[in-house]
Amino acid sequence: MHKVLCLALGLTAFSSLTVQAEVTVVMDTSVGEIEFKLDDEKAPITVANFVEYTEAGHYDGLIFHRVIPKFMIQAGGMDADMEQRDTRAPIKNESNNGLRNVRGSIAMARTQALDSATSQFFINTKDNPSLNDGGPYGGYAVFGKVSRGMDVVDTISATETGSVGFYRDVPVKPIVINSVKVVD
């Protein structure tokens, strides 16, 4: 049982319960699978948010809409027509959880407002210490890491990009998220 669920149910004695510190998620994309281990212990709000969007099918059919080589790849909000999907209310930023924006980590995208993350996320393709808590941008909450499929992340990172309307760094050939599933 997830720690967040236990807390939501008002359970405080975890000794007799199985508490998972990691949630495994598999993302099937048009260029291959990416598996993530999400850190439910260090980023409970963010993991619960991502899992809720996942279980609602929010990510299915969306694209990686922002790709900046040697930086990150971003998804979770736009379809192939660059139309944004509706989201729930923003969540509290958990960038002070000790997890770092290193190569292969998954973090929440947000606006300049610290507590503005909803459904969009990015995968770091290199170490990005300036995105950590205490950095010049106020911190982007890391909530897990790629456990399998970094080659797929690198393929996405190397794709040709262009502009669509006022959006830049958009893959010329859409890279679609076919499905995202929690496999625990």
N, C-alpha and C. Protein backbone atom coordinates (compact mmCIF):
# COMPACT_ATOMS: atom_id res chain seq x y z
N MET A 1 0.86 -1.18 0.00
CA MET A 1 0.00 0.00 0.00
C MET A 1 0.90 1.22 0.00
N HIS A 2 0.56 2.21 -0.78
CA HIS A 2 1.36 3.42 -0.87
C HIS A 2 1.24 4.25 0.39
N LYS A 3 2.34 4.88 0.77
CA LYS A 3 2.36 5.73 1.96
C LYS A 3 1.32 6.83 1.86
N VAL A 4 1.18 7.42 0.66
CA VAL A 4 0.20 8.49 0.47
C VAL A 4 -1.21 7.98 0.75
N LEU A 5 -1.52 6.79 0.27
CA LEU A 5 -2.84 6.21 0.50
C LEU A 5 -3.06 5.97 1.99
N CYS A 6 -2.03 5.47 2.67
CA CYS A 6 -2.14 5.24 4.12
C CYS A 6 -2.43 6.54 4.84
N LEU A 7 -1.72 7.58 4.48
CA LEU A 7 -1.93 8.88 5.12
C LEU A 7 -3.33 9.41 4.82
N ALA A 8 -3.76 9.23 3.57
CA ALA A 8 -5.09 9.71 3.17
C ALA A 8 -6.18 8.97 3.94
N LEU A 9 -5.92 7.71 4.27
CA LEU A 9 -6.90 6.92 5.01
C LEU A 9 -6.78 7.13 6.51
N GLY A 10 -5.83 7.95 6.92
CA GLY A 10 -5.64 8.23 8.35
C GLY A 10 -4.89 7.13 9.08
N LEU A 11 -4.18 6.28 8.35
CA LEU A 11 -3.43 5.21 8.98
C LEU A 11 -2.05 5.72 9.38
N THR A 12 -1.71 5.55 10.62
CA THR A 12 -0.40 6.04 11.08
C THR A 12 0.54 4.92 11.47
N ALA A 13 0.04 3.74 11.74
CA ALA A 13 0.89 2.61 12.10
C ALA A 13 1.17 1.80 10.86
N PHE A 14 2.37 1.95 10.30
CA PHE A 14 2.73 1.27 9.06
C PHE A 14 3.37 -0.09 9.29
N SER A 15 3.64 -0.46 10.53
CA SER A 15 4.41 -1.68 10.79
C SER A 15 3.71 -2.93 10.26
N SER A 16 2.40 -2.97 10.26
CA SER A 16 1.70 -4.16 9.78
C SER A 16 1.29 -4.04 8.32
N LEU A 17 1.66 -2.95 7.69
CA LEU A 17 1.30 -2.74 6.30
C LEU A 17 2.51 -2.83 5.41
N THR A 18 2.30 -3.17 4.17
CA THR A 18 3.37 -3.15 3.19
C THR A 18 3.38 -1.75 2.58
N VAL A 19 4.43 -1.00 2.84
CA VAL A 19 4.55 0.35 2.32
C VAL A 19 5.60 0.34 1.23
N GLN A 20 5.21 0.73 0.04
CA GLN A 20 6.15 0.77 -1.07
C GLN A 20 6.81 2.14 -1.13
N ALA A 21 8.12 2.14 -1.26
CA ALA A 21 8.84 3.39 -1.42
C ALA A 21 8.95 3.75 -2.89
N GLU A 22 8.76 2.77 -3.77
CA GLU A 22 8.84 3.02 -5.21
C GLU A 22 7.60 2.52 -5.91
N VAL A 23 7.19 3.28 -6.90
CA VAL A 23 6.08 2.91 -7.78
C VAL A 23 6.67 2.75 -9.17
N THR A 24 6.43 1.62 -9.82
CA THR A 24 6.95 1.38 -11.16
C THR A 24 5.90 1.74 -12.18
N VAL A 25 6.32 2.53 -13.16
CA VAL A 25 5.44 2.99 -14.24
C VAL A 25 6.11 2.68 -15.57
N VAL A 26 5.35 2.18 -16.53
CA VAL A 26 5.87 1.93 -17.88
C VAL A 26 5.14 2.84 -18.86
N MET A 27 5.93 3.58 -19.63
CA MET A 27 5.42 4.48 -20.66
C MET A 27 5.75 3.88 -22.02
N ASP A 28 4.73 3.57 -22.79
CA ASP A 28 4.91 3.06 -24.14
C ASP A 28 4.82 4.25 -25.09
N THR A 29 5.90 4.51 -25.83
CA THR A 29 5.90 5.62 -26.78
C THR A 29 6.03 5.08 -28.20
N SER A 30 5.88 5.96 -29.18
CA SER A 30 6.00 5.55 -30.58
C SER A 30 7.43 5.18 -30.95
N VAL A 31 8.41 5.40 -30.05
CA VAL A 31 9.80 5.02 -30.33
C VAL A 31 10.34 4.00 -29.32
N GLY A 32 9.49 3.49 -28.44
CA GLY A 32 9.92 2.47 -27.49
C GLY A 32 9.39 2.72 -26.09
N GLU A 33 9.73 1.81 -25.17
CA GLU A 33 9.25 1.89 -23.79
C GLU A 33 10.27 2.54 -22.87
N ILE A 34 9.73 3.28 -21.90
CA ILE A 34 10.52 3.87 -20.84
C ILE A 34 9.88 3.42 -19.53
N GLU A 35 10.70 2.86 -18.64
CA GLU A 35 10.21 2.46 -17.33
C GLU A 35 10.77 3.43 -16.29
N PHE A 36 9.92 3.81 -15.34
CA PHE A 36 10.31 4.72 -14.27
C PHE A 36 10.11 4.05 -12.92
N LYS A 37 10.98 4.39 -11.98
CA LYS A 37 10.78 4.08 -10.57
C LYS A 37 10.49 5.42 -9.91
N LEU A 38 9.26 5.58 -9.42
CA LEU A 38 8.85 6.83 -8.78
C LEU A 38 9.05 6.71 -7.28
N ASP A 39 9.57 7.75 -6.66
CA ASP A 39 9.92 7.73 -5.24
C ASP A 39 8.75 8.26 -4.40
N ASP A 40 7.89 7.34 -3.99
CA ASP A 40 6.69 7.65 -3.22
C ASP A 40 7.02 8.16 -1.82
N GLU A 41 8.20 7.82 -1.33
CA GLU A 41 8.59 8.24 0.01
C GLU A 41 9.06 9.70 0.03
N LYS A 42 9.91 10.08 -0.92
CA LYS A 42 10.48 11.43 -0.93
C LYS A 42 9.61 12.46 -1.64
N ALA A 43 8.73 11.99 -2.52
CA ALA A 43 7.87 12.91 -3.29
C ALA A 43 6.43 12.41 -3.32
N PRO A 44 5.80 12.24 -2.14
CA PRO A 44 4.47 11.61 -2.09
C PRO A 44 3.38 12.40 -2.83
N ILE A 45 3.39 13.70 -2.74
CA ILE A 45 2.36 14.52 -3.42
C ILE A 45 2.53 14.42 -4.92
N THR A 46 3.76 14.53 -5.38
CA THR A 46 4.05 14.51 -6.81
C THR A 46 3.77 13.13 -7.41
N VAL A 47 4.18 12.07 -6.72
CA VAL A 47 3.92 10.72 -7.22
C VAL A 47 2.42 10.46 -7.26
N ALA A 48 1.69 10.82 -6.21
CA ALA A 48 0.24 10.62 -6.20
C ALA A 48 -0.41 11.37 -7.36
N ASN A 49 0.05 12.58 -7.63
CA ASN A 49 -0.47 13.39 -8.74
C ASN A 49 -0.22 12.69 -10.08
N PHE A 50 1.03 12.24 -10.30
CA PHE A 50 1.38 11.57 -11.55
C PHE A 50 0.59 10.28 -11.73
N VAL A 51 0.47 9.51 -10.66
CA VAL A 51 -0.28 8.24 -10.72
C VAL A 51 -1.76 8.52 -11.02
N GLU A 52 -2.32 9.55 -10.42
CA GLU A 52 -3.71 9.88 -10.68
C GLU A 52 -3.93 10.25 -12.14
N TYR A 53 -3.05 11.07 -12.70
CA TYR A 53 -3.14 11.40 -14.14
C TYR A 53 -2.97 10.13 -14.99
N THR A 54 -2.04 9.28 -14.59
CA THR A 54 -1.80 8.04 -15.33
C THR A 54 -3.04 7.16 -15.33
N GLU A 55 -3.60 6.93 -14.15
CA GLU A 55 -4.76 6.04 -14.05
C GLU A 55 -6.00 6.61 -14.72
N ALA A 56 -6.06 7.91 -14.89
CA ALA A 56 -7.17 8.55 -15.61
C ALA A 56 -6.97 8.51 -17.12
N GLY A 57 -5.81 8.02 -17.59
CA GLY A 57 -5.53 7.97 -19.02
C GLY A 57 -5.13 9.31 -19.62
N HIS A 58 -4.81 10.27 -18.77
CA HIS A 58 -4.49 11.62 -19.24
C HIS A 58 -3.34 11.64 -20.25
N TYR A 59 -2.30 10.85 -20.01
CA TYR A 59 -1.10 10.92 -20.85
C TYR A 59 -1.24 10.17 -22.17
N ASP A 60 -2.19 9.24 -22.24
CA ASP A 60 -2.35 8.42 -23.45
C ASP A 60 -2.71 9.31 -24.64
N GLY A 61 -1.89 9.23 -25.70
CA GLY A 61 -2.13 10.00 -26.92
C GLY A 61 -1.47 11.37 -26.94
N LEU A 62 -0.84 11.76 -25.84
CA LEU A 62 -0.12 13.04 -25.84
C LEU A 62 1.24 12.85 -26.50
N ILE A 63 1.97 13.93 -26.71
CA ILE A 63 3.27 13.87 -27.38
C ILE A 63 4.36 14.47 -26.50
N PHE A 64 5.59 14.17 -26.84
CA PHE A 64 6.73 14.91 -26.29
C PHE A 64 6.76 16.20 -27.11
N HIS A 65 6.34 17.30 -26.49
CA HIS A 65 6.14 18.55 -27.22
C HIS A 65 7.31 19.53 -27.11
N ARG A 66 8.29 19.21 -26.29
CA ARG A 66 9.44 20.10 -26.13
C ARG A 66 10.68 19.24 -25.94
N VAL A 67 11.61 19.34 -26.87
CA VAL A 67 12.83 18.54 -26.84
C VAL A 67 14.02 19.47 -27.02
N ILE A 68 14.85 19.55 -25.99
CA ILE A 68 16.06 20.37 -26.06
C ILE A 68 17.24 19.43 -25.82
N PRO A 69 17.98 19.10 -26.90
CA PRO A 69 19.11 18.18 -26.76
C PRO A 69 20.09 18.64 -25.68
N LYS A 70 20.68 17.67 -25.01
CA LYS A 70 21.63 17.92 -23.93
C LYS A 70 21.03 18.77 -22.81
N PHE A 71 19.72 18.64 -22.61
CA PHE A 71 19.04 19.32 -21.51
C PHE A 71 17.91 18.44 -20.99
N MET A 72 16.78 18.37 -21.74
CA MET A 72 15.64 17.57 -21.27
C MET A 72 14.64 17.36 -22.40
N ILE A 73 13.70 16.41 -22.14
CA ILE A 73 12.56 16.18 -23.02
C ILE A 73 11.31 16.34 -22.17
N GLN A 74 10.28 17.00 -22.72
CA GLN A 74 9.09 17.34 -21.93
C GLN A 74 7.82 16.83 -22.59
N ALA A 75 6.88 16.39 -21.76
CA ALA A 75 5.59 15.88 -22.24
C ALA A 75 4.55 16.08 -21.15
N GLY A 76 3.34 15.58 -21.43
CA GLY A 76 2.31 15.56 -20.41
C GLY A 76 1.21 16.59 -20.55
N GLY A 77 1.25 17.39 -21.62
CA GLY A 77 0.23 18.42 -21.73
C GLY A 77 -0.38 18.61 -23.11
N MET A 78 0.37 18.28 -24.16
CA MET A 78 -0.06 18.61 -25.52
C MET A 78 -0.33 17.37 -26.37
N ASP A 79 -1.34 17.49 -27.24
CA ASP A 79 -1.57 16.44 -28.22
C ASP A 79 -0.83 16.80 -29.51
N ALA A 80 -0.97 15.98 -30.54
CA ALA A 80 -0.24 16.18 -31.80
C ALA A 80 -0.60 17.48 -32.50
N ASP A 81 -1.75 18.06 -32.17
CA ASP A 81 -2.14 19.35 -32.75
C ASP A 81 -1.70 20.52 -31.87
N MET A 82 -0.89 20.22 -30.85
CA MET A 82 -0.40 21.21 -29.89
C MET A 82 -1.55 21.86 -29.11
N GLU A 83 -2.61 21.08 -28.94
CA GLU A 83 -3.72 21.50 -28.09
C GLU A 83 -3.47 20.95 -26.69
N GLN A 84 -3.64 21.80 -25.69
CA GLN A 84 -3.38 21.40 -24.32
C GLN A 84 -4.60 20.70 -23.72
N ARG A 85 -4.35 19.59 -23.02
CA ARG A 85 -5.41 18.89 -22.31
C ARG A 85 -5.72 19.59 -21.01
N ASP A 86 -6.97 19.48 -20.59
CA ASP A 86 -7.37 20.04 -19.30
C ASP A 86 -6.62 19.34 -18.17
N THR A 87 -6.38 20.09 -17.11
CA THR A 87 -5.66 19.54 -15.96
C THR A 87 -6.42 19.84 -14.67
N ARG A 88 -5.99 19.20 -13.62
CA ARG A 88 -6.51 19.49 -12.28
C ARG A 88 -5.75 20.67 -11.70
N ALA A 89 -6.08 21.02 -10.50
CA ALA A 89 -5.41 22.14 -9.80
C ALA A 89 -3.92 21.83 -9.62
N PRO A 90 -3.09 22.86 -9.56
CA PRO A 90 -1.65 22.67 -9.34
C PRO A 90 -1.36 22.05 -7.97
N ILE A 91 -0.18 21.45 -7.87
CA ILE A 91 0.24 20.80 -6.62
C ILE A 91 1.38 21.58 -5.96
N LYS A 92 1.62 21.25 -4.70
CA LYS A 92 2.74 21.84 -3.96
C LYS A 92 4.06 21.33 -4.53
N ASN A 93 5.00 22.23 -4.68
CA ASN A 93 6.33 21.89 -5.20
C ASN A 93 7.12 21.15 -4.12
N GLU A 94 7.61 19.96 -4.46
CA GLU A 94 8.39 19.16 -3.53
C GLU A 94 9.88 19.12 -3.92
N SER A 95 10.38 20.21 -4.47
CA SER A 95 11.77 20.22 -4.94
C SER A 95 12.80 20.14 -3.81
N ASN A 96 12.36 20.31 -2.58
CA ASN A 96 13.28 20.25 -1.43
C ASN A 96 13.35 18.84 -0.83
N ASN A 97 13.06 17.82 -1.63
CA ASN A 97 12.99 16.44 -1.13
C ASN A 97 14.33 15.69 -1.17
N GLY A 98 15.38 16.33 -1.62
CA GLY A 98 16.69 15.68 -1.68
C GLY A 98 16.99 14.99 -2.99
N LEU A 99 15.99 14.80 -3.84
CA LEU A 99 16.22 14.21 -5.16
C LEU A 99 16.73 15.30 -6.09
N ARG A 100 17.64 14.95 -6.98
CA ARG A 100 18.31 15.93 -7.82
C ARG A 100 17.98 15.75 -9.30
N ASN A 101 18.03 16.85 -10.02
CA ASN A 101 17.83 16.85 -11.48
C ASN A 101 19.11 16.37 -12.15
N VAL A 102 19.26 15.05 -12.19
CA VAL A 102 20.41 14.41 -12.82
C VAL A 102 19.92 13.65 -14.04
N ARG A 103 20.85 13.24 -14.88
CA ARG A 103 20.51 12.49 -16.08
C ARG A 103 19.62 11.30 -15.72
N GLY A 104 18.50 11.19 -16.41
CA GLY A 104 17.58 10.08 -16.18
C GLY A 104 16.51 10.33 -15.14
N SER A 105 16.58 11.46 -14.45
CA SER A 105 15.53 11.75 -13.46
C SER A 105 14.31 12.34 -14.16
N ILE A 106 13.14 12.12 -13.56
CA ILE A 106 11.88 12.68 -14.05
C ILE A 106 11.43 13.72 -13.03
N ALA A 107 11.05 14.89 -13.54
CA ALA A 107 10.67 16.01 -12.67
C ALA A 107 9.42 16.68 -13.24
N MET A 108 8.77 17.45 -12.39
CA MET A 108 7.57 18.17 -12.81
C MET A 108 7.94 19.48 -13.50
N ALA A 109 7.28 19.73 -14.63
CA ALA A 109 7.39 21.02 -15.30
C ALA A 109 6.42 21.97 -14.60
N ARG A 110 6.72 23.24 -14.66
CA ARG A 110 5.85 24.24 -14.02
C ARG A 110 6.10 25.59 -14.67
N THR A 111 5.29 26.56 -14.31
CA THR A 111 5.51 27.93 -14.75
C THR A 111 6.53 28.58 -13.81
N GLN A 112 6.68 29.89 -13.89
CA GLN A 112 7.58 30.58 -12.97
C GLN A 112 7.09 30.53 -11.53
N ALA A 113 5.79 30.33 -11.35
CA ALA A 113 5.24 30.20 -10.00
C ALA A 113 5.67 28.86 -9.42
N LEU A 114 6.21 28.85 -8.22
CA LEU A 114 6.78 27.66 -7.61
C LEU A 114 5.79 26.50 -7.50
N ASP A 115 4.57 26.76 -7.05
CA ASP A 115 3.57 25.71 -6.85
C ASP A 115 2.56 25.66 -7.99
N SER A 116 3.05 25.51 -9.22
CA SER A 116 2.16 25.57 -10.39
C SER A 116 2.15 24.29 -11.23
N ALA A 117 2.86 23.24 -10.83
CA ALA A 117 2.90 22.00 -11.61
C ALA A 117 1.53 21.33 -11.63
N THR A 118 1.16 20.83 -12.81
CA THR A 118 -0.08 20.06 -12.94
C THR A 118 0.26 18.69 -13.53
N SER A 119 0.20 18.53 -14.84
CA SER A 119 0.42 17.23 -15.45
C SER A 119 1.73 17.11 -16.23
N GLN A 120 2.33 18.23 -16.61
CA GLN A 120 3.52 18.16 -17.45
C GLN A 120 4.75 17.78 -16.65
N PHE A 121 5.61 16.99 -17.30
CA PHE A 121 6.82 16.49 -16.68
C PHE A 121 7.96 16.55 -17.70
N PHE A 122 9.17 16.41 -17.20
CA PHE A 122 10.31 16.31 -18.11
C PHE A 122 11.29 15.27 -17.59
N ILE A 123 12.09 14.76 -18.52
CA ILE A 123 13.14 13.80 -18.20
C ILE A 123 14.46 14.49 -18.50
N ASN A 124 15.32 14.58 -17.52
CA ASN A 124 16.63 15.20 -17.70
C ASN A 124 17.52 14.30 -18.55
N THR A 125 18.12 14.87 -19.59
CA THR A 125 19.03 14.09 -20.43
C THR A 125 20.49 14.35 -20.08
N LYS A 126 20.71 15.22 -19.10
CA LYS A 126 22.04 15.45 -18.52
C LYS A 126 21.81 15.95 -17.10
N ASP A 127 22.86 16.04 -16.33
CA ASP A 127 22.75 16.62 -14.99
C ASP A 127 22.43 18.11 -15.13
N ASN A 128 21.38 18.56 -14.45
CA ASN A 128 20.93 19.96 -14.51
C ASN A 128 20.83 20.54 -13.10
N PRO A 129 21.99 20.79 -12.44
CA PRO A 129 21.96 21.28 -11.06
C PRO A 129 21.25 22.62 -10.89
N SER A 130 21.18 23.44 -11.94
CA SER A 130 20.51 24.73 -11.82
C SER A 130 19.00 24.59 -11.61
N LEU A 131 18.45 23.38 -11.84
CA LEU A 131 17.02 23.14 -11.66
C LEU A 131 16.69 22.60 -10.26
N ASN A 132 17.72 22.35 -9.46
CA ASN A 132 17.50 21.82 -8.11
C ASN A 132 17.00 22.89 -7.17
N ASP A 133 16.43 22.43 -6.05
CA ASP A 133 16.01 23.32 -4.98
C ASP A 133 17.19 24.20 -4.57
N GLY A 134 16.95 25.48 -4.40
CA GLY A 134 18.01 26.41 -4.04
C GLY A 134 18.74 26.97 -5.23
N GLY A 135 18.45 26.45 -6.42
CA GLY A 135 19.07 26.96 -7.64
C GLY A 135 18.42 28.26 -8.08
N PRO A 136 18.89 28.83 -9.17
CA PRO A 136 18.39 30.13 -9.61
C PRO A 136 16.93 30.13 -10.06
N TYR A 137 16.35 28.95 -10.30
CA TYR A 137 14.97 28.88 -10.79
C TYR A 137 13.98 28.40 -9.74
N GLY A 138 14.41 28.27 -8.50
CA GLY A 138 13.50 27.92 -7.41
C GLY A 138 13.24 26.45 -7.23
N GLY A 139 13.76 25.61 -8.05
CA GLY A 139 13.62 24.17 -7.88
C GLY A 139 12.49 23.53 -8.65
N TYR A 140 12.82 22.46 -9.35
CA TYR A 140 11.85 21.64 -10.08
C TYR A 140 11.84 20.28 -9.40
N ALA A 141 10.67 19.82 -8.99
CA ALA A 141 10.53 18.63 -8.16
C ALA A 141 10.80 17.34 -8.93
N VAL A 142 11.91 16.70 -8.58
CA VAL A 142 12.22 15.36 -9.09
C VAL A 142 11.39 14.38 -8.29
N PHE A 143 10.80 13.39 -8.98
CA PHE A 143 9.98 12.41 -8.27
C PHE A 143 10.27 10.98 -8.68
N GLY A 144 11.33 10.78 -9.45
CA GLY A 144 11.69 9.43 -9.84
C GLY A 144 12.83 9.42 -10.83
N LYS A 145 13.07 8.22 -11.40
CA LYS A 145 14.17 8.07 -12.35
C LYS A 145 13.83 7.00 -13.38
N VAL A 146 14.47 7.11 -14.53
CA VAL A 146 14.34 6.09 -15.57
C VAL A 146 15.08 4.85 -15.09
N SER A 147 14.40 3.72 -15.06
CA SER A 147 15.03 2.46 -14.65
C SER A 147 15.31 1.55 -15.84
N ARG A 148 14.66 1.84 -16.96
CA ARG A 148 14.88 1.09 -18.19
C ARG A 148 14.39 1.97 -19.34
N GLY A 149 15.15 1.99 -20.43
CA GLY A 149 14.72 2.76 -21.60
C GLY A 149 15.42 4.10 -21.78
N MET A 150 16.58 4.26 -21.15
CA MET A 150 17.31 5.52 -21.35
C MET A 150 17.71 5.67 -22.81
N ASP A 151 17.89 4.56 -23.52
CA ASP A 151 18.18 4.63 -24.96
C ASP A 151 17.01 5.26 -25.71
N VAL A 152 15.78 5.02 -25.26
CA VAL A 152 14.59 5.63 -25.87
C VAL A 152 14.59 7.13 -25.58
N VAL A 153 14.91 7.50 -24.35
CA VAL A 153 15.02 8.92 -23.98
C VAL A 153 16.05 9.61 -24.88
N ASP A 154 17.20 8.96 -25.09
CA ASP A 154 18.24 9.54 -25.93
C ASP A 154 17.80 9.66 -27.39
N THR A 155 17.02 8.69 -27.86
CA THR A 155 16.47 8.76 -29.22
C THR A 155 15.55 9.97 -29.35
N ILE A 156 14.68 10.16 -28.36
CA ILE A 156 13.77 11.30 -28.37
C ILE A 156 14.58 12.60 -28.33
N SER A 157 15.60 12.64 -27.51
CA SER A 157 16.44 13.84 -27.36
C SER A 157 17.15 14.22 -28.65
N ALA A 158 17.43 13.23 -29.49
CA ALA A 158 18.17 13.47 -30.74
C ALA A 158 17.26 13.77 -31.93
N THR A 159 15.96 13.81 -31.71
CA THR A 159 15.04 14.01 -32.82
C THR A 159 15.11 15.44 -33.36
N GLU A 160 14.81 15.60 -34.63
CA GLU A 160 14.79 16.92 -35.26
C GLU A 160 13.60 17.72 -34.73
N THR A 161 13.84 18.99 -34.43
CA THR A 161 12.77 19.85 -33.90
C THR A 161 12.59 21.09 -34.76
N GLY A 162 11.46 21.75 -34.56
CA GLY A 162 11.15 22.99 -35.25
C GLY A 162 10.16 23.78 -34.41
N SER A 163 9.47 24.69 -35.06
CA SER A 163 8.48 25.52 -34.38
C SER A 163 7.08 25.20 -34.88
N VAL A 164 6.12 25.28 -33.98
CA VAL A 164 4.70 25.14 -34.31
C VAL A 164 4.01 26.31 -33.64
N GLY A 165 3.56 27.28 -34.44
CA GLY A 165 3.00 28.50 -33.85
C GLY A 165 4.06 29.18 -33.02
N PHE A 166 3.72 29.50 -31.77
CA PHE A 166 4.72 30.14 -30.91
C PHE A 166 5.51 29.13 -30.08
N TYR A 167 5.26 27.83 -30.27
CA TYR A 167 6.01 26.79 -29.57
C TYR A 167 7.29 26.47 -30.32
N ARG A 168 8.41 26.43 -29.61
CA ARG A 168 9.69 26.05 -30.20
C ARG A 168 10.12 24.71 -29.64
N ASP A 169 11.11 24.11 -30.29
CA ASP A 169 11.70 22.84 -29.84
C ASP A 169 10.69 21.68 -29.90
N VAL A 170 9.79 21.74 -30.87
CA VAL A 170 8.77 20.70 -31.05
C VAL A 170 9.28 19.67 -32.07
N PRO A 171 9.27 18.37 -31.73
CA PRO A 171 9.69 17.38 -32.71
C PRO A 171 8.93 17.51 -34.04
N VAL A 172 9.68 17.47 -35.14
CA VAL A 172 9.07 17.59 -36.47
C VAL A 172 8.12 16.42 -36.71
N LYS A 173 8.57 15.21 -36.35
CA LYS A 173 7.71 14.03 -36.41
C LYS A 173 7.24 13.76 -34.99
N PRO A 174 5.93 13.85 -34.72
CA PRO A 174 5.44 13.68 -33.35
C PRO A 174 5.88 12.37 -32.71
N ILE A 175 6.31 12.46 -31.47
CA ILE A 175 6.65 11.28 -30.66
C ILE A 175 5.52 11.12 -29.66
N VAL A 176 4.71 10.10 -29.88
CA VAL A 176 3.45 9.92 -29.17
C VAL A 176 3.63 9.00 -27.96
N ILE A 177 2.97 9.38 -26.87
CA ILE A 177 2.85 8.51 -25.70
C ILE A 177 1.60 7.66 -25.96
N ASN A 178 1.82 6.39 -26.27
CA ASN A 178 0.68 5.51 -26.54
C ASN A 178 -0.09 5.20 -25.27
N SER A 179 0.65 4.91 -24.20
CA SER A 179 0.01 4.60 -22.92
C SER A 179 1.02 4.74 -21.79
N VAL A 180 0.50 4.96 -20.60
CA VAL A 180 1.30 4.96 -19.37
C VAL A 180 0.54 4.09 -18.37
N LYS A 181 1.25 3.15 -17.77
CA LYS A 181 0.62 2.21 -16.84
C LYS A 181 1.43 2.06 -15.58
N VAL A 182 0.77 2.02 -14.43
CA VAL A 182 1.40 1.65 -13.18
C VAL A 182 1.46 0.13 -13.16
N VAL A 183 2.64 -0.44 -12.94
CA VAL A 183 2.77 -1.90 -13.03
C VAL A 183 2.98 -2.57 -11.68
N ASP A 184 2.96 -1.83 -10.60
CA ASP A 184 3.08 -2.44 -9.26
C ASP A 184 1.80 -3.11 -8.87
